[in-house]
PDB file of all heavy atoms in Angstrom:
ATOM      1  N   VAL A   1      87.860 -33.543 270.890  1.00  0.00           N
ATOM      2  CA  VAL A   1      89.292 -33.456 271.549  1.00  0.00           C
ATOM      3  C   VAL A   1      89.561 -31.881 271.779  1.00  0.00           C
ATOM      4  O   VAL A   1      90.132 -31.524 272.746  1.00  0.00           O
ATOM      5  CB  VAL A   1      90.318 -34.056 270.666  1.00  0.00           C
ATOM      6  CG1 VAL A   1      91.690 -33.845 271.150  1.00  0.00           C
ATOM      7  CG2 VAL A   1      90.148 -35.642 270.686  1.00  0.00           C
ATOM      8  N   MET A   2      89.230 -31.028 270.692  1.00  0.00           N
ATOM      9  CA  MET A   2      89.429 -29.677 270.824  1.00  0.00           C
ATOM     10  C   MET A   2      88.687 -29.049 272.026  1.00  0.00           C
ATOM     11  O   MET A   2      89.245 -28.293 272.746  1.00  0.00           O
ATOM     12  CB  MET A   2      89.099 -29.033 269.573  1.00  0.00           C
ATOM     13  CG  MET A   2      89.944 -29.484 268.374  1.00  0.00           C
ATOM     14  SD  MET A   2      91.714 -29.248 268.617  1.00  0.00           S
ATOM     15  CE  MET A   2      91.798 -27.481 268.673  1.00  0.00           C
ATOM     16  N   ALA A   3      87.529 -29.553 272.171  1.00  0.00           N
ATOM     17  CA  ALA A   3      86.675 -29.105 273.353  1.00  0.00           C
ATOM     18  C   ALA A   3      87.387 -29.546 274.726  1.00  0.00           C
ATOM     19  O   ALA A   3      87.462 -28.744 275.593  1.00  0.00           O
ATOM     20  CB  ALA A   3      85.194 -29.702 273.337  1.00  0.00           C
ATOM     21  N   ALA A   4      87.843 -30.806 274.648  1.00  0.00           N
ATOM     22  CA  ALA A   4      88.567 -31.093 275.926  1.00  0.00           C
ATOM     23  C   ALA A   4      89.967 -30.390 276.196  1.00  0.00           C
ATOM     24  O   ALA A   4      90.192 -30.065 277.243  1.00  0.00           O
ATOM     25  CB  ALA A   4      88.965 -32.701 275.818  1.00  0.00           C
ATOM     26  N   ILE A   5      90.495 -29.896 275.117  1.00  0.00           N
ATOM     27  CA  ILE A   5      91.779 -29.057 275.156  1.00  0.00           C
ATOM     28  C   ILE A   5      91.312 -27.740 275.739  1.00  0.00           C
ATOM     29  O   ILE A   5      91.980 -27.212 276.581  1.00  0.00           O
ATOM     30  CB  ILE A   5      92.474 -28.944 273.870  1.00  0.00           C
ATOM     31  CG1 ILE A   5      93.100 -30.257 273.420  1.00  0.00           C
ATOM     32  CG2 ILE A   5      93.563 -27.900 273.977  1.00  0.00           C
ATOM     33  CD1 ILE A   5      93.714 -30.370 272.002  1.00  0.00           C
ATOM     34  N   GLU A   6      90.215 -27.249 275.294  1.00  0.00           N
ATOM     35  CA  GLU A   6      89.789 -25.880 275.637  1.00  0.00           C
ATOM     36  C   GLU A   6      89.364 -25.973 277.143  1.00  0.00           C
ATOM     37  O   GLU A   6      89.506 -24.965 277.862  1.00  0.00           O
ATOM     38  CB  GLU A   6      88.591 -25.481 274.709  1.00  0.00           C
ATOM     39  CG  GLU A   6      88.216 -24.087 275.185  1.00  0.00           C
ATOM     40  CD  GLU A   6      87.024 -23.513 274.147  1.00  0.00           C
ATOM     41  OE1 GLU A   6      86.837 -24.210 273.136  1.00  0.00           O
ATOM     42  OE2 GLU A   6      86.427 -22.539 274.437  1.00  0.00           O
ATOM     43  N   ALA A   7      88.782 -27.088 277.512  1.00  0.00           N
ATOM     44  CA  ALA A   7      88.338 -27.265 278.977  1.00  0.00           C
ATOM     45  C   ALA A   7      89.464 -27.561 279.944  1.00  0.00           C
ATOM     46  O   ALA A   7      89.213 -27.684 281.111  1.00  0.00           O
ATOM     47  CB  ALA A   7      87.296 -28.381 278.989  1.00  0.00           C
ATOM     48  N   GLY A   8      90.589 -27.793 279.413  1.00  0.00           N
ATOM     49  CA  GLY A   8      91.709 -28.038 280.200  1.00  0.00           C
ATOM     50  C   GLY A   8      91.918 -29.559 280.640  1.00  0.00           C
ATOM     51  O   GLY A   8      92.707 -29.915 281.481  1.00  0.00           O
ATOM     52  N   GLU A   9      91.085 -30.450 279.944  1.00  0.00           N
ATOM     53  CA  GLU A   9      91.255 -31.792 280.266  1.00  0.00           C
ATOM     54  C   GLU A   9      92.324 -32.479 279.613  1.00  0.00           C
ATOM     55  O   GLU A   9      92.877 -33.453 280.052  1.00  0.00           O
ATOM     56  CB  GLU A   9      89.898 -32.593 279.933  1.00  0.00           C
ATOM     57  CG  GLU A   9      88.656 -32.033 280.664  1.00  0.00           C
ATOM     58  CD  GLU A   9      87.364 -32.482 280.010  1.00  0.00           C
ATOM     59  OE1 GLU A   9      87.417 -33.164 278.936  1.00  0.00           O
ATOM     60  OE2 GLU A   9      86.242 -32.183 280.555  1.00  0.00           O
ATOM     61  N   LEU A  10      92.680 -31.950 278.403  1.00  0.00           N
ATOM     62  CA  LEU A  10      93.990 -32.399 277.585  1.00  0.00           C
ATOM     63  C   LEU A  10      94.854 -31.181 277.504  1.00  0.00           C
ATOM     64  O   LEU A  10      94.402 -30.099 277.519  1.00  0.00           O
ATOM     65  CB  LEU A  10      93.564 -32.872 276.352  1.00  0.00           C
ATOM     66  CG  LEU A  10      92.635 -34.180 276.250  1.00  0.00           C
ATOM     67  CD1 LEU A  10      92.184 -34.387 274.850  1.00  0.00           C
ATOM     68  CD2 LEU A  10      93.399 -35.296 276.826  1.00  0.00           C
ATOM     69  N   VAL A  11      96.167 -31.413 277.403  1.00  0.00           N
ATOM     70  CA  VAL A  11      97.166 -30.340 277.266  1.00  0.00           C
ATOM     71  C   VAL A  11      98.001 -30.604 276.016  1.00  0.00           C
ATOM     72  O   VAL A  11      98.262 -31.732 275.634  1.00  0.00           O
ATOM     73  CB  VAL A  11      98.154 -30.428 278.469  1.00  0.00           C
ATOM     74  CG1 VAL A  11      99.302 -29.500 278.332  1.00  0.00           C
ATOM     75  CG2 VAL A  11      97.341 -30.048 279.755  1.00  0.00           C
ATOM     76  N   VAL A  12      98.217 -29.549 275.190  1.00  0.00           N
ATOM     77  CA  VAL A  12      99.127 -29.598 274.058  1.00  0.00           C
ATOM     78  C   VAL A  12     100.533 -29.222 274.366  1.00  0.00           C
ATOM     79  O   VAL A  12     100.645 -28.012 274.776  1.00  0.00           O
ATOM     80  CB  VAL A  12      98.487 -28.682 272.923  1.00  0.00           C
ATOM     81  CG1 VAL A  12      99.407 -28.781 271.708  1.00  0.00           C
ATOM     82  CG2 VAL A  12      97.144 -29.212 272.560  1.00  0.00           C
ATOM     83  N   ASP A  13     101.469 -30.072 274.181  1.00  0.00           N
ATOM     84  CA  ASP A  13     102.864 -29.785 274.596  1.00  0.00           C
ATOM     85  C   ASP A  13     103.608 -29.508 273.186  1.00  0.00           C
ATOM     86  O   ASP A  13     104.665 -30.259 272.809  1.00  0.00           O
ATOM     87  CB  ASP A  13     103.471 -30.902 275.298  1.00  0.00           C
ATOM     88  CG  ASP A  13     102.990 -31.054 276.662  1.00  0.00           C
ATOM     89  OD1 ASP A  13     102.657 -29.985 277.220  1.00  0.00           O
ATOM     90  OD2 ASP A  13     103.033 -32.115 277.210  1.00  0.00           O
ATOM     91  N   GLY A  14     103.190 -28.650 272.354  1.00  0.00           N
ATOM     92  CA  GLY A  14     103.842 -28.329 271.064  1.00  0.00           C
ATOM     93  C   GLY A  14     103.512 -29.288 270.034  1.00  0.00           C
ATOM     94  O   GLY A  14     102.514 -29.818 269.953  1.00  0.00           O
ATOM     95  N   ARG A  15     104.452 -29.467 269.078  1.00  0.00           N
ATOM     96  CA  ARG A  15     104.305 -30.299 267.839  1.00  0.00           C
ATOM     97  C   ARG A  15     105.498 -31.288 267.761  1.00  0.00           C
ATOM     98  O   ARG A  15     106.529 -30.901 268.184  1.00  0.00           O
ATOM     99  CB  ARG A  15     104.043 -29.547 266.607  1.00  0.00           C
ATOM    100  CG  ARG A  15     102.896 -28.483 266.654  1.00  0.00           C
ATOM    101  CD  ARG A  15     102.435 -28.212 265.257  1.00  0.00           C
ATOM    102  NE  ARG A  15     101.397 -27.242 265.219  1.00  0.00           N
ATOM    103  CZ  ARG A  15     100.714 -26.838 264.191  1.00  0.00           C
ATOM    104  NH1 ARG A  15     101.021 -27.393 262.985  1.00  0.00           N
ATOM    105  NH2 ARG A  15      99.739 -25.922 264.239  1.00  0.00           N
ATOM    106  N   ASP A  16     105.134 -32.454 267.138  1.00  0.00           N
ATOM    107  CA  ASP A  16     106.179 -33.317 266.912  1.00  0.00           C
ATOM    108  C   ASP A  16     106.993 -33.086 265.643  1.00  0.00           C
ATOM    109  O   ASP A  16     106.644 -31.984 264.981  1.00  0.00           O
ATOM    110  CB  ASP A  16     105.647 -34.819 266.902  1.00  0.00           C
ATOM    111  CG  ASP A  16     104.629 -34.993 265.674  1.00  0.00           C
ATOM    112  OD1 ASP A  16     104.744 -34.217 264.769  1.00  0.00           O
ATOM    113  OD2 ASP A  16     103.937 -36.036 265.787  1.00  0.00           O
ATOM    114  N   GLU A  17     107.911 -33.916 265.240  1.00  0.00           N
ATOM    115  CA  GLU A  17     108.787 -33.495 264.107  1.00  0.00           C
ATOM    116  C   GLU A  17     108.112 -33.535 262.815  1.00  0.00           C
ATOM    117  O   GLU A  17     108.526 -32.935 261.789  1.00  0.00           O
ATOM    118  CB  GLU A  17     110.059 -34.535 264.090  1.00  0.00           C
ATOM    119  CG  GLU A  17     109.572 -35.944 263.673  1.00  0.00           C
ATOM    120  CD  GLU A  17     109.016 -36.710 264.885  1.00  0.00           C
ATOM    121  OE1 GLU A  17     108.805 -36.196 265.933  1.00  0.00           O
ATOM    122  OE2 GLU A  17     108.714 -37.976 264.610  1.00  0.00           O
ATOM    123  N   LYS A  18     106.770 -34.076 262.821  1.00  0.00           N
ATOM    124  CA  LYS A  18     105.979 -34.065 261.558  1.00  0.00           C
ATOM    125  C   LYS A  18     104.895 -33.097 261.534  1.00  0.00           C
ATOM    126  O   LYS A  18     104.032 -33.143 260.708  1.00  0.00           O
ATOM    127  CB  LYS A  18     105.528 -35.538 261.177  1.00  0.00           C
ATOM    128  CG  LYS A  18     106.678 -36.588 261.043  1.00  0.00           C
ATOM    129  CD  LYS A  18     106.134 -37.935 260.765  1.00  0.00           C
ATOM    130  CE  LYS A  18     107.323 -38.834 260.538  1.00  0.00           C
ATOM    131  NZ  LYS A  18     106.877 -40.250 260.286  1.00  0.00           N
ATOM    132  N   GLY A  19     104.808 -32.270 262.516  1.00  0.00           N
ATOM    133  CA  GLY A  19     103.828 -31.248 262.573  1.00  0.00           C
ATOM    134  C   GLY A  19     102.542 -31.368 263.433  1.00  0.00           C
ATOM    135  O   GLY A  19     101.791 -30.611 263.463  1.00  0.00           O
ATOM    136  N   ALA A  20     102.375 -32.725 263.886  1.00  0.00           N
ATOM    137  CA  ALA A  20     101.253 -32.961 264.661  1.00  0.00           C
ATOM    138  C   ALA A  20     101.321 -32.492 266.029  1.00  0.00           C
ATOM    139  O   ALA A  20     102.303 -32.468 266.589  1.00  0.00           O
ATOM    140  CB  ALA A  20     100.897 -34.494 264.714  1.00  0.00           C
ATOM    141  N   MET A  21     100.145 -32.035 266.708  1.00  0.00           N
ATOM    142  CA  MET A  21     100.200 -31.671 268.057  1.00  0.00           C
ATOM    143  C   MET A  21     100.518 -32.758 268.958  1.00  0.00           C
ATOM    144  O   MET A  21     100.199 -33.906 268.747  1.00  0.00           O
ATOM    145  CB  MET A  21      98.729 -31.217 268.393  1.00  0.00           C
ATOM    146  CG  MET A  21      98.258 -29.871 267.742  1.00  0.00           C
ATOM    147  SD  MET A  21      96.652 -29.260 268.456  1.00  0.00           S
ATOM    148  CE  MET A  21      95.600 -30.472 268.045  1.00  0.00           C
ATOM    149  N   ILE A  22     101.309 -32.548 270.022  1.00  0.00           N
ATOM    150  CA  ILE A  22     101.718 -33.492 271.072  1.00  0.00           C
ATOM    151  C   ILE A  22     100.616 -33.343 272.216  1.00  0.00           C
ATOM    152  O   ILE A  22     100.699 -32.329 272.764  1.00  0.00           O
ATOM    153  CB  ILE A  22     103.078 -33.186 271.582  1.00  0.00           C
ATOM    154  CG1 ILE A  22     104.062 -33.411 270.443  1.00  0.00           C
ATOM    155  CG2 ILE A  22     103.436 -34.344 272.687  1.00  0.00           C
ATOM    156  CD1 ILE A  22     105.523 -33.057 270.777  1.00  0.00           C
ATOM    157  N   ILE A  23      99.772 -34.348 272.338  1.00  0.00           N
ATOM    158  CA  ILE A  23      98.606 -34.143 273.213  1.00  0.00           C
ATOM    159  C   ILE A  23      98.722 -35.292 274.450  1.00  0.00           C
ATOM    160  O   ILE A  23      99.181 -36.416 274.154  1.00  0.00           O
ATOM    161  CB  ILE A  23      97.313 -34.403 272.578  1.00  0.00           C
ATOM    162  CG1 ILE A  23      97.262 -33.392 271.387  1.00  0.00           C
ATOM    163  CG2 ILE A  23      96.082 -34.253 273.508  1.00  0.00           C
ATOM    164  CD1 ILE A  23      95.985 -33.668 270.516  1.00  0.00           C
ATOM    165  N   ARG A  24      98.388 -34.776 275.683  1.00  0.00           N
ATOM    166  CA  ARG A  24      98.517 -35.619 276.798  1.00  0.00           C
ATOM    167  C   ARG A  24      97.320 -35.246 277.644  1.00  0.00           C
ATOM    168  O   ARG A  24      96.729 -34.114 277.544  1.00  0.00           O
ATOM    169  CB  ARG A  24      99.784 -35.568 277.445  1.00  0.00           C
ATOM    170  CG  ARG A  24     100.164 -34.149 278.079  1.00  0.00           C
ATOM    171  CD  ARG A  24     101.356 -34.246 278.910  1.00  0.00           C
ATOM    172  NE  ARG A  24     101.676 -32.882 279.358  1.00  0.00           N
ATOM    173  CZ  ARG A  24     101.239 -32.297 280.403  1.00  0.00           C
ATOM    174  NH1 ARG A  24     100.327 -32.971 281.222  1.00  0.00           N
ATOM    175  NH2 ARG A  24     101.571 -31.061 280.816  1.00  0.00           N
ATOM    176  N   ASN A  25      96.929 -36.066 278.683  1.00  0.00           N
ATOM    177  CA  ASN A  25      95.982 -35.811 279.697  1.00  0.00           C
ATOM    178  C   ASN A  25      96.649 -34.758 280.617  1.00  0.00           C
ATOM    179  O   ASN A  25      97.719 -34.800 280.953  1.00  0.00           O
ATOM    180  CB  ASN A  25      95.699 -37.095 280.511  1.00  0.00           C
ATOM    181  CG  ASN A  25      94.946 -38.099 279.739  1.00  0.00           C
ATOM    182  OD1 ASN A  25      94.007 -37.847 278.897  1.00  0.00           O
ATOM    183  ND2 ASN A  25      95.321 -39.441 279.649  1.00  0.00           N
ATOM    184  N   ALA A  26      95.664 -33.755 281.004  1.00  0.00           N
ATOM    185  CA  ALA A  26      96.083 -32.844 281.969  1.00  0.00           C
ATOM    186  C   ALA A  26      96.279 -33.573 283.361  1.00  0.00           C
ATOM    187  O   ALA A  26      95.646 -34.503 283.594  1.00  0.00           O
ATOM    188  CB  ALA A  26      94.987 -31.773 282.115  1.00  0.00           C
ATOM    189  N   GLU A  27      97.199 -33.095 284.136  1.00  0.00           N
ATOM    190  CA  GLU A  27      97.500 -33.783 285.431  1.00  0.00           C
ATOM    191  C   GLU A  27      96.217 -33.732 286.342  1.00  0.00           C
ATOM    192  O   GLU A  27      95.637 -32.740 286.506  1.00  0.00           O
ATOM    193  CB  GLU A  27      98.668 -32.914 286.134  1.00  0.00           C
ATOM    194  CG  GLU A  27      99.327 -33.715 287.206  1.00  0.00           C
ATOM    195  CD  GLU A  27     100.053 -34.952 286.890  1.00  0.00           C
ATOM    196  OE1 GLU A  27     100.616 -34.884 285.742  1.00  0.00           O
ATOM    197  OE2 GLU A  27     100.136 -35.871 287.644  1.00  0.00           O
ATOM    198  N   GLY A  28      96.046 -34.952 286.864  1.00  0.00           N
ATOM    199  CA  GLY A  28      94.869 -35.067 287.764  1.00  0.00           C
ATOM    200  C   GLY A  28      93.397 -34.837 287.116  1.00  0.00           C
ATOM    201  O   GLY A  28      92.420 -34.671 287.852  1.00  0.00           O
ATOM    202  N   ARG A  29      93.304 -34.814 285.830  1.00  0.00           N
ATOM    203  CA  ARG A  29      92.051 -34.688 285.106  1.00  0.00           C
ATOM    204  C   ARG A  29      91.671 -35.889 284.340  1.00  0.00           C
ATOM    205  O   ARG A  29      92.598 -36.693 283.883  1.00  0.00           O
ATOM    206  CB  ARG A  29      92.147 -33.451 284.342  1.00  0.00           C
ATOM    207  CG  ARG A  29      92.361 -32.121 284.871  1.00  0.00           C
ATOM    208  CD  ARG A  29      91.197 -31.596 285.571  1.00  0.00           C
ATOM    209  NE  ARG A  29      90.112 -31.275 284.769  1.00  0.00           N
ATOM    210  CZ  ARG A  29      89.938 -30.261 284.058  1.00  0.00           C
ATOM    211  NH1 ARG A  29      90.748 -29.122 284.262  1.00  0.00           N
ATOM    212  NH2 ARG A  29      88.789 -29.937 283.323  1.00  0.00           N
TER     213      ARG A  29
END
C-alpha cells in the first residue's frame, strides 16, 4: 500500500479522528 501511495495510485487525505490515515484511490488510477 505504501508503494501504491508513493506511485500515486492511492492518495492520503489526512488522518481520521483515531489517528489512522484516510486512504482512497487516486482519480482515474
